[in-house]
Amino acid sequence: MSAPAPGEAGATRICPHCKTTILQSSAVCPACRGHLRFDAATNDAGQRFIPLQVEGTLRGDEQGSFEYTMVVVIRNERGEEVGRHVAGVGAVLPGQSRTFSVTVEAVPVTAKTRRRH
């Protein structure tokens, strides 16, 4: 599968603030929340929706500490892995907890494929 060309749905670029790969259409970096563009044509906040949001909490108990690795995996319609990212690692001690949230933000393709002249 080839990468989308610039200006096409799914095209990416590097955030100038944090160097994370983001969608070319992004007006705000989802990783560092740095503003990238301020023009009205890229303001997709009104069209943005969240088709998936999952949250869960791990709690340490009297049995002892444990380590964790949070891995995010993306698969296509054929079940093939198209992305894998270690989002974080750490440990939970007795009496501690960690809450993990995964959110997928989406914008209709028509908003993403606007070309700037």
C-alpha atoms as a PDB file:
ATOM      1  CA  MET A   1       0.000   0.000   0.000  1.00  0.00           C
ATOM      2  CA  SER A   2       1.496   3.336  -1.026  1.00  0.00           C
ATOM      3  CA  ALA A   3       1.335   6.495   1.039  1.00  0.00           C
ATOM      4  CA  PRO A   4      -1.238   9.110  -0.009  1.00  0.00           C
ATOM      5  CA  ALA A   5       0.095  12.015  -2.052  1.00  0.00           C
ATOM      6  CA  PRO A   6       0.133  15.482  -0.453  1.00  0.00           C
ATOM      7  CA  GLY A   7      -3.378  16.950  -0.523  1.00  0.00           C
ATOM      8  CA  GLU A   8      -5.079  13.526  -0.528  1.00  0.00           C
ATOM      9  CA  ALA A   9      -7.015  12.025   2.381  1.00  0.00           C
ATOM     10  CA  GLY A  10      -4.562  10.421   4.817  1.00  0.00           C
ATOM     11  CA  ALA A  11      -1.503  12.420   3.710  1.00  0.00           C
ATOM     12  CA  THR A  12       0.903  13.103   6.579  1.00  0.00           C
ATOM     13  CA  ARG A  13       3.571  15.559   7.621  1.00  0.00           C
ATOM     14  CA  ILE A  14       5.847  16.126  10.612  1.00  0.00           C
ATOM     15  CA  CYS A  15       4.760  18.480  13.405  1.00  0.00           C
ATOM     16  CA  PRO A  16       7.335  21.306  13.541  1.00  0.00           C
ATOM     17  CA  HIS A  17       6.967  21.479  17.331  1.00  0.00           C
ATOM     18  CA  CYS A  18       7.268  17.853  18.528  1.00  0.00           C
ATOM     19  CA  LYS A  19       8.318  15.979  15.346  1.00  0.00           C
ATOM     20  CA  THR A  20       5.359  13.539  15.549  1.00  0.00           C
ATOM     21  CA  THR A  21       3.854  12.315  12.269  1.00  0.00           C
ATOM     22  CA  ILE A  22       0.411  13.924  11.941  1.00  0.00           C
ATOM     23  CA  LEU A  23      -2.242  14.363   9.262  1.00  0.00           C
ATOM     24  CA  GLN A  24      -1.390  17.054   6.740  1.00  0.00           C
ATOM     25  CA  SER A  25      -4.848  18.568   7.278  1.00  0.00           C
ATOM     26  CA  SER A  26      -4.313  19.092  11.026  1.00  0.00           C
ATOM     27  CA  ALA A  27      -4.599  22.667  12.251  1.00  0.00           C
ATOM     28  CA  VAL A  28      -3.517  21.587  15.763  1.00  0.00           C
ATOM     29  CA  CYS A  29      -1.061  18.776  16.536  1.00  0.00           C
ATOM     30  CA  PRO A  30      -2.897  16.001  18.424  1.00  0.00           C
ATOM     31  CA  ALA A  31       0.314  15.056  20.264  1.00  0.00           C
ATOM     32  CA  CYS A  32       1.674  18.372  21.557  1.00  0.00           C
ATOM     33  CA  ARG A  33      -1.426  20.524  20.849  1.00  0.00           C
ATOM     34  CA  GLY A  34       0.748  23.077  19.087  1.00  0.00           C
ATOM     35  CA  HIS A  35      -1.109  25.295  16.624  1.00  0.00           C
ATOM     36  CA  LEU A  36      -0.035  24.776  13.026  1.00  0.00           C
ATOM     37  CA  ARG A  37      -2.408  26.933  10.987  1.00  0.00           C
ATOM     38  CA  PHE A  38      -4.911  29.604  11.902  1.00  0.00           C
ATOM     39  CA  ASP A  39      -6.784  30.152   8.624  1.00  0.00           C
ATOM     40  CA  ALA A  40     -10.538  29.539   8.578  1.00  0.00           C
ATOM     41  CA  ALA A  41     -10.310  26.960   5.774  1.00  0.00           C
ATOM     42  CA  THR A  42      -8.528  24.521   8.061  1.00  0.00           C
ATOM     43  CA  ASN A  43     -10.844  24.933  11.043  1.00  0.00           C
ATOM     44  CA  ASP A  44     -12.415  21.464  11.102  1.00  0.00           C
ATOM     45  CA  ALA A  45     -13.422  21.532  14.782  1.00  0.00           C
ATOM     46  CA  GLY A  46     -17.116  21.701  13.877  1.00  0.00           C
ATOM     47  CA  GLN A  47     -16.842  18.590  11.680  1.00  0.00           C
ATOM     48  CA  ARG A  48     -14.663  16.552  14.051  1.00  0.00           C
ATOM     49  CA  PHE A  49     -16.247  13.517  15.693  1.00  0.00           C
ATOM     50  CA  ILE A  50     -15.061  10.679  17.951  1.00  0.00           C
ATOM     51  CA  PRO A  51     -16.061   7.224  16.622  1.00  0.00           C
ATOM     52  CA  LEU A  52     -14.117   5.359  19.323  1.00  0.00           C
ATOM     53  CA  GLN A  53     -13.209   6.156  22.922  1.00  0.00           C
ATOM     54  CA  VAL A  54     -12.079   3.592  25.496  1.00  0.00           C
ATOM     55  CA  GLU A  55     -10.915   4.215  29.056  1.00  0.00           C
ATOM     56  CA  GLY A  56      -9.801   1.854  31.785  1.00  0.00           C
ATOM     57  CA  THR A  57      -7.970   1.950  35.113  1.00  0.00           C
ATOM     58  CA  LEU A  58      -5.337  -0.410  36.531  1.00  0.00           C
ATOM     59  CA  ARG A  59      -4.964  -0.518  40.284  1.00  0.00           C
ATOM     60  CA  GLY A  60      -2.116  -1.866  42.355  1.00  0.00           C
ATOM     61  CA  ASP A  61      -3.118  -4.244  45.128  1.00  0.00           C
ATOM     62  CA  GLU A  62      -1.529  -6.050  48.039  1.00  0.00           C
ATOM     63  CA  GLN A  63      -0.067  -8.763  45.767  1.00  0.00           C
ATOM     64  CA  GLY A  64       2.735  -6.441  44.773  1.00  0.00           C
ATOM     65  CA  SER A  65       3.923  -4.115  42.061  1.00  0.00           C
ATOM     66  CA  PHE A  66       3.641  -4.722  38.339  1.00  0.00           C
ATOM     67  CA  GLU A  67       5.065  -3.131  35.232  1.00  0.00           C
ATOM     68  CA  TYR A  68       3.005  -2.219  32.175  1.00  0.00           C
ATOM     69  CA  THR A  69       3.525  -1.387  28.519  1.00  0.00           C
ATOM     70  CA  MET A  70       0.726   0.379  26.648  1.00  0.00           C
ATOM     71  CA  VAL A  71       0.788  -0.606  22.980  1.00  0.00           C
ATOM     72  CA  VAL A  72      -1.546   0.852  20.347  1.00  0.00           C
ATOM     73  CA  VAL A  73      -2.026  -1.350  17.269  1.00  0.00           C
ATOM     74  CA  ILE A  74      -3.939  -0.354  14.121  1.00  0.00           C
ATOM     75  CA  ARG A  75      -5.131  -3.022  11.654  1.00  0.00           C
ATOM     76  CA  ASN A  76      -6.783  -2.661   8.259  1.00  0.00           C
ATOM     77  CA  GLU A  77      -9.936  -4.414   7.044  1.00  0.00           C
ATOM     78  CA  ARG A  78      -7.916  -7.598   6.286  1.00  0.00           C
ATOM     79  CA  GLY A  79      -6.497  -7.755   9.813  1.00  0.00           C
ATOM     80  CA  GLU A  80      -3.033  -6.684   8.652  1.00  0.00           C
ATOM     81  CA  GLU A  81      -1.079  -4.529  11.055  1.00  0.00           C
ATOM     82  CA  VAL A  82      -0.554  -1.053   9.578  1.00  0.00           C
ATOM     83  CA  GLY A  83       0.702   0.692  12.694  1.00  0.00           C
ATOM     84  CA  ARG A  84       2.131  -0.122  16.111  1.00  0.00           C
ATOM     85  CA  HIS A  85       3.252   2.353  18.748  1.00  0.00           C
ATOM     86  CA  VAL A  86       4.384   2.010  22.339  1.00  0.00           C
ATOM     87  CA  ALA A  87       2.474   4.831  24.001  1.00  0.00           C
ATOM     88  CA  GLY A  88       4.046   4.442  27.424  1.00  0.00           C
ATOM     89  CA  VAL A  89       5.631   2.195  30.009  1.00  0.00           C
ATOM     90  CA  GLY A  90       5.774   2.286  33.770  1.00  0.00           C
ATOM     91  CA  ALA A  91       4.962   0.537  37.017  1.00  0.00           C
ATOM     92  CA  VAL A  92       2.036   0.476  39.406  1.00  0.00           C
ATOM     93  CA  LEU A  93       2.779  -0.038  43.080  1.00  0.00           C
ATOM     94  CA  PRO A  94       0.291  -1.168  45.738  1.00  0.00           C
ATOM     95  CA  GLY A  95      -2.127   1.686  46.430  1.00  0.00           C
ATOM     96  CA  GLN A  96      -1.409   3.398  43.087  1.00  0.00           C
ATOM     97  CA  SER A  97      -3.451   3.464  39.888  1.00  0.00           C
ATOM     98  CA  ARG A  98      -3.083   4.472  36.250  1.00  0.00           C
ATOM     99  CA  THR A  99      -5.935   5.408  33.925  1.00  0.00           C
ATOM    100  CA  PHE A 100      -5.499   4.821  30.187  1.00  0.00           C
ATOM    101  CA  SER A 101      -7.615   6.485  27.496  1.00  0.00           C
ATOM    102  CA  VAL A 102      -7.637   5.764  23.771  1.00  0.00           C
ATOM    103  CA  THR A 103      -9.528   8.211  21.564  1.00  0.00           C
ATOM    104  CA  VAL A 104      -9.902   8.151  17.789  1.00  0.00           C
ATOM    105  CA  GLU A 105     -10.711  11.596  16.390  1.00  0.00           C
ATOM    106  CA  ALA A 106     -12.055  11.777  12.832  1.00  0.00           C
ATOM    107  CA  VAL A 107     -12.901  14.451  10.265  1.00  0.00           C
ATOM    108  CA  PRO A 108     -14.928  13.737   7.097  1.00  0.00           C
ATOM    109  CA  VAL A 109     -12.660  13.231   4.079  1.00  0.00           C
ATOM    110  CA  THR A 110     -14.168  16.192   2.246  1.00  0.00           C
ATOM    111  CA  ALA A 111     -12.742  18.496   4.937  1.00  0.00           C
ATOM    112  CA  LYS A 112      -9.305  16.884   4.683  1.00  0.00           C
ATOM    113  CA  THR A 113      -8.938  17.040   0.912  1.00  0.00           C
ATOM    114  CA  ARG A 114      -9.275  20.806   0.537  1.00  0.00           C
ATOM    115  CA  ARG A 115      -6.308  22.062  -1.390  1.00  0.00           C
ATOM    116  CA  ARG A 116      -4.645  25.328  -0.512  1.00  0.00           C
ATOM    117  CA  HIS A 117      -3.718  27.537  -3.461  1.00  0.00           C
END
